[in-house]
């Protein structure tokens, strides 16, 4: 087998764009499973971890314990006792390029790789794929078999953001078939299991609001950056990863030390909130509405105003769909319908005073029923 060179080079085409069909796609997927099996023989695997997420039972099958420990920490709150293979709804096979096992030669050309990481020219409606340039991560999902392969070139140096939210493309593809969507947002809630999804583009203050509400306000934390929502009634908000990616400025405001974080890049650090604040962690909440954070001048009191459903949908959908490959009009329609079904608020707080949002968040939740 030839080594998988990724999208950076033009690949010899094993399957021409004109002749791709499901049979050839199945063969390529089976070759990937064979490579995973060979990696297990060379490493210490298979090492299995079973998780339950949004009522789905997922089996993660790693070629080594090293990969298992690095890629399941963010999902530890979802781990369940071992289940049989027949009981699992979905299986992800995980290995990396350090095992010495070559991947099947890529059937794609450079032009097949798109901006969000999706790989065009997939073989049929049964098989979809993404490729993340940089860390060189391949995600490929076979819908009919309900199985997937996740491969990373160097599993000894997994990027901090991948440790914070592993398998997010595969989980996104699985959940959307079950009435759930993986969305860009942070979840907060109260002790009555009523929850709000904090939405908006990156850097708007979602993480700061969610962490402050948990640390200073005793509220529930239900994930940062990626959460899952059930898009039809009864609406639910579920934590996929109990992690938070925080800037140095946010760490100072919420009194968290970089020493407690996974080493990250110059801008952000990853904190495993489920381990640090177990009492505040929530796996699932009743979704009651949406909040868009914002800043106002330091001398101005906190403000709260209702948003119309179109404004909510815009802030919820744009940032979510931008990050999820093979997501488009159908997912947007689901998010827009959810926005029409639930209220939304714009909550502004004085710069440097994130804790001033806590009374307003609690007040919202006390009135939503």
Protein backbone atom coordinates (compact mmCIF):
# COMPACT_ATOMS: atom_id res chain seq x y z
CA UNK A 1 0.00 0.00 0.00
CA UNK A 2 1.16 3.50 -0.71
CA UNK A 3 1.35 6.00 2.14
CA UNK A 4 -1.50 8.47 2.46
CA UNK A 5 0.02 11.81 1.49
CA UNK A 6 -3.00 13.98 2.27
CA UNK A 7 -4.31 16.89 0.24
CA UNK A 8 -1.01 18.72 -0.02
CA UNK A 9 0.07 16.69 -3.04
CA UNK A 10 -1.69 15.55 -6.16
CA UNK A 11 -2.58 11.91 -5.72
CA UNK A 12 -2.63 9.17 -8.33
CA UNK A 13 -6.31 8.46 -8.88
CA UNK A 14 -7.19 4.87 -8.09
CA UNK A 15 -10.82 5.64 -8.81
CA UNK A 16 -11.51 8.29 -11.42
CA UNK A 17 -14.22 10.88 -10.61
CA UNK A 18 -16.33 9.48 -13.42
CA UNK A 19 -16.25 5.91 -12.13
CA UNK A 20 -16.67 6.26 -8.35
CA UNK A 21 -19.55 4.20 -7.06
CA UNK A 22 -20.60 2.58 -3.81
CA UNK A 23 -18.83 -0.74 -4.46
CA UNK A 24 -15.47 0.96 -4.89
CA UNK A 25 -16.15 3.14 -1.86
CA UNK A 26 -16.91 0.08 0.23
CA UNK A 27 -13.62 -1.46 -0.89
CA UNK A 28 -11.66 1.63 0.11
CA UNK A 29 -13.39 1.71 3.51
CA UNK A 30 -12.65 -1.98 4.06
CA UNK A 31 -9.00 -1.32 3.22
CA UNK A 32 -8.95 1.34 5.93
CA UNK A 33 -10.39 -1.15 8.44
CA UNK A 34 -7.68 -3.60 7.44
CA UNK A 35 -5.03 -0.93 8.09
CA UNK A 36 -6.57 -0.29 11.51
CA UNK A 37 -6.46 -4.02 12.25
CA UNK A 38 -2.78 -4.17 11.26
CA UNK A 39 -2.05 -1.17 13.50
CA UNK A 40 -3.71 -2.97 16.42
CA UNK A 41 -1.36 -5.92 15.93
CA UNK A 42 1.67 -3.62 16.00
CA UNK A 43 0.46 -1.52 18.93
CA UNK A 44 -1.28 -2.66 22.12
CA UNK A 45 -4.83 -2.74 20.77
CA UNK A 46 -7.56 -2.97 20.31
CA UNK A 47 -8.36 -0.86 23.37
CA UNK A 48 -12.08 -0.14 23.60
CA UNK A 49 -14.04 2.65 25.29
CA UNK A 50 -17.83 2.72 25.29
CA UNK A 51 -19.72 5.99 25.63
CA UNK A 52 -23.36 7.01 25.68
CA UNK A 53 -24.10 10.31 23.98
CA UNK A 54 -27.55 11.71 23.18
CA UNK A 55 -29.05 8.26 23.76
CA UNK A 56 -26.62 6.74 21.26
CA UNK A 57 -24.14 4.03 22.28
CA UNK A 58 -20.75 4.60 20.70
CA UNK A 59 -17.83 2.20 20.77
CA UNK A 60 -14.39 3.76 20.31
CA UNK A 61 -11.80 1.20 19.22
CA UNK A 62 -8.19 2.38 19.55
CA UNK A 63 -5.09 0.69 18.18
CA UNK A 64 -3.18 1.66 21.35
CA UNK A 65 -3.78 2.70 24.95
CA UNK A 66 -1.76 5.87 24.22
CA UNK A 67 -4.37 7.07 21.73
CA UNK A 68 -7.18 6.00 24.00
CA UNK A 69 -5.95 8.09 26.94
CA UNK A 70 -5.34 11.20 24.82
CA UNK A 71 -8.63 11.15 22.92
CA UNK A 72 -11.18 10.12 25.56
CA UNK A 73 -10.42 12.48 28.43
CA UNK A 74 -12.88 15.07 27.13
CA UNK A 75 -15.52 12.33 26.90
CA UNK A 76 -14.97 10.69 30.30
CA UNK A 77 -18.35 11.91 31.58
CA UNK A 78 -20.01 9.84 28.81
CA UNK A 79 -18.14 6.58 29.47
CA UNK A 80 -20.36 3.60 30.35
CA UNK A 81 -19.63 -0.02 31.31
CA UNK A 82 -18.53 -2.20 28.44
CA UNK A 83 -21.28 -3.20 26.04
CA UNK A 84 -21.35 -5.93 23.44
CA UNK A 85 -20.56 -5.15 19.84
CA UNK A 86 -24.17 -5.91 18.93
CA UNK A 87 -25.41 -3.29 21.39
CA UNK A 88 -23.36 -0.42 19.94
CA UNK A 89 -25.10 1.99 17.59
CA UNK A 90 -21.89 3.32 16.06
CA UNK A 91 -18.22 2.25 16.02
CA UNK A 92 -15.19 4.50 15.46
CA UNK A 93 -11.85 2.81 14.63
CA UNK A 94 -8.89 4.97 15.68
CA UNK A 95 -5.20 4.70 14.74
CA UNK A 96 -2.30 6.91 13.72
CA UNK A 97 0.72 7.13 11.46
CA UNK A 98 3.28 6.23 14.14
CA UNK A 99 2.26 2.56 14.11
CA UNK A 100 4.26 1.94 10.93
CA UNK A 101 1.16 0.84 9.03
CA UNK A 102 0.55 2.56 5.71
CA UNK A 103 -2.90 3.71 4.70
CA UNK A 104 -4.51 2.75 1.42
CA UNK A 105 -3.57 5.22 -1.28
CA UNK A 106 -5.87 8.22 -1.39
CA UNK A 107 -8.54 8.08 -4.10
CA UNK A 108 -8.90 11.89 -4.02
CA UNK A 109 -7.27 14.76 -5.83
CA UNK A 110 -6.19 18.05 -4.27
CA UNK A 111 -9.26 19.73 -5.76
CA UNK A 112 -11.52 17.40 -3.76
CA UNK A 113 -10.50 19.06 -0.48
CA UNK A 114 -12.66 22.01 0.50
CA UNK A 115 -12.47 24.93 2.91
CA UNK A 116 -14.29 23.35 5.86
CA UNK A 117 -12.28 20.14 5.55
CA UNK A 118 -14.94 18.20 3.66
CA UNK A 119 -13.79 15.89 0.90
CA UNK A 120 -15.91 16.17 -2.23
CA UNK A 121 -16.33 13.37 -4.70
CA UNK A 122 -17.26 10.84 -2.08
CA UNK A 123 -18.40 7.54 -3.50
CA UNK A 124 -22.07 7.51 -2.62
CA UNK A 125 -24.55 8.79 -0.08
CA UNK A 126 -23.26 6.05 2.23
CA UNK A 127 -19.73 7.42 2.63
CA UNK A 128 -18.63 10.93 3.63
CA UNK A 129 -15.21 12.16 4.67
CA UNK A 130 -13.22 15.14 5.93
CA UNK A 131 -9.51 15.89 6.09
CA UNK A 132 -7.94 18.46 8.44
CA UNK A 133 -4.80 19.91 6.96
CA UNK A 134 -2.03 20.64 9.46
CA UNK A 135 -2.53 17.86 11.99
CA UNK A 136 -3.46 15.63 9.01
CA UNK A 137 -6.61 14.02 10.38
CA UNK A 138 -8.83 11.83 8.23
CA UNK A 139 -12.47 11.22 9.24
CA UNK A 140 -14.48 8.84 7.10
CA UNK A 141 -17.98 7.63 7.93
CA UNK A 142 -19.90 4.73 6.40
CA UNK A 143 -23.58 5.40 7.11
CA UNK A 144 -24.95 2.01 6.15
CA UNK A 145 -22.43 0.13 8.29
CA UNK A 146 -22.65 2.72 11.08
CA UNK A 147 -18.87 2.59 11.34
CA UNK A 148 -16.12 5.16 10.94
CA UNK A 149 -12.35 5.50 10.77
CA UNK A 150 -10.37 8.28 12.44
CA UNK A 151 -6.69 8.58 11.55
CA UNK A 152 -4.16 11.18 12.67
CA UNK A 153 -0.65 11.33 11.28
CA UNK A 154 1.13 11.82 14.62
CA UNK A 155 -0.80 10.50 17.60
CA UNK A 156 2.08 11.30 19.93
CA UNK A 157 1.50 15.03 19.49
CA UNK A 158 -2.26 15.55 19.27
CA UNK A 159 -3.15 19.26 19.04
CA UNK A 160 -4.73 20.75 22.16
CA UNK A 161 -7.95 21.62 20.30
CA UNK A 162 -8.30 18.02 19.14
CA UNK A 163 -7.91 16.74 22.70
CA UNK A 164 -10.61 19.23 23.75
CA UNK A 165 -13.14 18.09 21.10
CA UNK A 166 -12.16 14.73 19.58
CA UNK A 167 -14.18 13.06 16.80
CA UNK A 168 -16.41 16.13 16.40
CA UNK A 169 -16.92 15.63 12.65
CA UNK A 170 -17.91 12.00 13.09
CA UNK A 171 -20.17 12.79 16.04
CA UNK A 172 -21.78 15.60 14.03
CA UNK A 173 -22.57 13.22 11.15
CA UNK A 174 -23.96 10.54 13.46
CA UNK A 175 -26.12 12.79 15.64
CA UNK A 176 -27.80 14.69 12.82
CA UNK A 177 -29.39 11.43 11.68
CA UNK A 178 -30.87 10.98 15.16
CA UNK A 179 -32.55 14.37 15.54
CA UNK A 180 -29.58 16.10 17.20
CA UNK A 181 -27.15 18.71 15.92
CA UNK A 182 -23.67 19.56 17.13
CA UNK A 183 -23.61 23.34 17.52
CA UNK A 184 -21.10 26.04 18.33
CA UNK A 185 -22.05 27.35 21.75
CA UNK A 186 -21.68 27.07 25.52
CA UNK A 187 -24.26 25.56 27.85
CA UNK A 188 -25.33 26.95 31.25
CA UNK A 189 -28.15 25.88 33.51
CA UNK A 190 -29.69 25.89 36.97
CA UNK A 191 -30.28 23.22 39.60
CA UNK A 192 -33.72 22.50 38.14
CA UNK A 193 -32.04 21.26 34.93
CA UNK A 194 -33.22 24.25 32.90
CA UNK A 195 -30.59 25.27 30.38
CA UNK A 196 -29.58 28.07 28.03
CA UNK A 197 -27.29 27.88 25.02
CA UNK A 198 -24.87 30.82 24.80
CA UNK A 199 -24.33 31.48 21.08
CA UNK A 200 -22.31 33.74 18.79
CA UNK A 201 -19.08 33.91 16.86
CA UNK A 202 -15.71 33.07 18.38
CA UNK A 203 -14.35 35.65 20.83
CA UNK A 204 -17.75 37.13 21.69
CA UNK A 205 -17.62 35.94 25.32
CA UNK A 206 -19.41 32.57 25.38
CA UNK A 207 -16.68 30.78 27.35
CA UNK A 208 -16.29 33.63 29.83
CA UNK A 209 -20.02 33.74 30.54
CA UNK A 210 -20.38 29.97 30.96
CA UNK A 211 -17.31 29.51 33.18
CA UNK A 212 -18.12 32.55 35.34
CA UNK A 213 -21.69 31.32 35.83
CA UNK A 214 -20.35 27.98 37.10
CA UNK A 215 -17.44 29.27 39.19
CA UNK A 216 -19.00 32.36 40.74
CA UNK A 217 -22.71 31.67 40.46
CA UNK A 218 -22.96 27.97 41.28
CA UNK A 219 -24.74 27.37 37.96
CA UNK A 220 -24.45 24.26 35.81
CA UNK A 221 -21.82 24.04 33.08
CA UNK A 222 -22.91 22.04 30.03
CA UNK A 223 -19.99 22.45 27.65
CA UNK A 224 -18.06 25.14 25.82
CA UNK A 225 -17.51 25.52 22.09
CA UNK A 226 -19.50 22.40 21.11
CA UNK A 227 -22.81 21.22 22.53
CA UNK A 228 -25.55 19.03 21.09
CA UNK A 229 -29.17 20.17 20.88
CA UNK A 230 -32.27 18.13 20.13
CA UNK A 231 -33.93 20.07 17.33
CA UNK A 232 -37.51 18.91 17.90
CA UNK A 233 -39.58 19.06 21.11
CA UNK A 234 -38.80 18.35 23.84
CA UNK A 235 -35.67 20.40 23.18
CA UNK A 236 -32.60 19.19 25.02
CA UNK A 237 -29.10 20.55 25.54
CA UNK A 238 -26.39 17.92 26.00
CA UNK A 239 -22.74 18.25 26.87
CA UNK A 240 -20.50 16.50 24.36
CA UNK A 241 -17.17 17.66 25.80
CA UNK A 242 -16.83 18.99 29.35
CA UNK A 243 -13.90 21.17 28.36
CA UNK A 244 -13.26 24.87 27.90
CA UNK A 245 -10.77 26.72 25.69
CA UNK A 246 -9.82 29.96 27.38
CA UNK A 247 -7.63 32.92 26.50
CA UNK A 248 -5.14 34.35 28.98
CA UNK A 249 -7.46 37.31 29.57
CA UNK A 250 -10.39 35.01 30.37
CA UNK A 251 -8.24 32.92 32.69
CA UNK A 252 -7.39 36.04 34.66
CA UNK A 253 -11.04 37.08 34.93
CA UNK A 254 -12.24 33.67 36.15
CA UNK A 255 -9.16 32.96 38.31
CA UNK A 256 -7.99 29.80 36.58
CA UNK A 257 -4.29 28.98 36.39
CA UNK A 258 -2.57 28.00 33.13
CA UNK A 259 -0.82 25.31 35.17
CA UNK A 260 -4.13 23.41 35.31
CA UNK A 261 -4.55 23.42 31.52
CA UNK A 262 -3.37 21.28 28.64
CA UNK A 263 -0.51 23.08 26.91
CA UNK A 264 -2.02 24.92 23.96
CA UNK A 265 -1.10 27.59 21.49
CA UNK A 266 -0.25 31.18 22.32
CA UNK A 267 -3.89 32.24 22.45
CA UNK A 268 -5.83 29.54 24.27
CA UNK A 269 -5.52 26.78 26.86
CA UNK A 270 -7.79 23.77 27.38
CA UNK A 271 -9.31 23.08 30.80
CA UNK A 272 -11.11 19.83 31.65
CA UNK A 273 -14.01 21.40 33.51
CA UNK A 274 -15.70 18.08 34.22
CA UNK A 275 -12.73 17.09 36.35
CA UNK A 276 -12.18 20.49 37.98
CA UNK A 277 -15.82 21.28 38.85
CA UNK A 278 -17.66 17.98 38.98
CA UNK A 279 -20.55 19.40 41.00
CA UNK A 280 -21.18 22.11 38.42
CA UNK A 281 -20.94 19.77 35.42
CA UNK A 282 -24.20 18.83 33.70
CA UNK A 283 -24.49 16.12 31.07
CA UNK A 284 -27.93 17.19 29.89
CA UNK A 285 -30.41 20.02 30.47
CA UNK A 286 -33.87 21.04 29.24
CA UNK A 287 -33.12 23.67 26.59
CA UNK A 288 -35.20 26.76 27.36
CA UNK A 289 -33.64 29.41 25.14
CA UNK A 290 -30.62 31.17 23.70
CA UNK A 291 -28.37 33.97 24.95
CA UNK A 292 -26.07 36.16 22.86
CA UNK A 293 -23.38 37.81 25.05
CA UNK A 294 -22.00 41.28 24.48
CA UNK A 295 -19.97 43.99 26.21
CA UNK A 296 -20.99 47.50 27.25
CA UNK A 297 -18.93 50.33 28.81
CA UNK A 298 -17.64 49.68 32.32
CA UNK A 299 -19.90 52.33 33.88
CA UNK A 300 -23.04 50.94 32.18
CA UNK A 301 -25.25 48.43 34.05
CA UNK A 302 -25.90 44.98 32.53
CA UNK A 303 -28.61 44.93 29.89
CA UNK A 304 -31.06 42.37 28.59
CA UNK A 305 -33.30 42.49 25.53
CA UNK A 306 -35.30 39.95 23.61
CA UNK A 307 -34.08 38.84 20.16
CA UNK A 308 -36.32 37.76 17.30
CA UNK A 309 -35.97 34.25 15.94
CA UNK A 310 -34.16 35.40 12.80
CA UNK A 311 -31.44 37.06 14.85
CA UNK A 312 -31.07 33.95 17.01
CA UNK A 313 -30.90 31.67 13.98
CA UNK A 314 -28.26 33.84 12.32
CA UNK A 315 -25.94 33.83 15.34
CA UNK A 316 -26.54 30.15 16.05
CA UNK A 317 -26.33 28.75 12.55
CA UNK A 318 -23.57 30.72 10.88
CA UNK A 319 -20.81 29.86 13.35
CA UNK A 320 -22.05 26.27 13.77
CA UNK A 321 -22.33 25.38 10.09
CA UNK A 322 -19.02 27.06 9.24
CA UNK A 323 -17.21 24.57 11.48
CA UNK A 324 -19.01 21.41 10.40
CA UNK A 325 -18.13 19.79 7.05
CA UNK A 326 -20.96 18.43 4.92
CA UNK A 327 -23.52 20.66 6.66
CA UNK A 328 -25.80 22.99 4.76
CA UNK A 329 -29.41 23.90 4.01
CA UNK A 330 -31.00 21.00 5.90
CA UNK A 331 -29.08 21.73 9.08
CA UNK A 332 -29.79 25.46 8.76
CA UNK A 333 -33.51 24.75 8.46
CA UNK A 334 -33.43 22.62 11.63
CA UNK A 335 -31.60 25.32 13.57
CA UNK A 336 -33.93 28.03 12.29
CA UNK A 337 -36.97 26.02 13.36
CA UNK A 338 -35.45 25.51 16.82
CA UNK A 339 -34.81 29.26 17.05
CA UNK A 340 -38.48 29.90 16.23
CA UNK A 341 -39.56 27.50 18.97
CA UNK A 342 -37.53 29.00 21.82
CA UNK A 343 -36.91 32.54 23.09
CA UNK A 344 -33.61 34.37 22.76
CA UNK A 345 -31.99 37.26 24.62
CA UNK A 346 -29.05 39.57 24.06
CA UNK A 347 -27.23 40.00 27.38
CA UNK A 348 -24.64 42.75 27.68
CA UNK A 349 -22.30 43.06 30.65
CA UNK A 350 -19.80 45.77 31.60
CA UNK A 351 -16.27 45.14 30.34
CA UNK A 352 -14.22 43.36 33.00
CA UNK A 353 -17.28 42.30 35.04
CA UNK A 354 -18.49 38.93 33.69
CA UNK A 355 -20.09 37.96 37.02
CA UNK A 356 -22.70 40.71 36.53
CA UNK A 357 -24.40 38.37 34.01
CA UNK A 358 -25.18 35.76 36.67
CA UNK A 359 -28.32 37.38 38.19
CA UNK A 360 -29.75 37.94 34.72
CA UNK A 361 -29.08 34.35 33.63
CA UNK A 362 -30.76 33.06 36.77
CA UNK A 363 -33.69 35.43 36.28
CA UNK A 364 -34.20 34.23 32.73
CA UNK A 365 -34.29 30.60 33.83
CA UNK A 366 -36.66 31.32 36.70
CA UNK A 367 -39.26 32.69 34.26
CA UNK A 368 -38.98 30.39 31.26
CA UNK A 369 -41.51 27.88 32.57
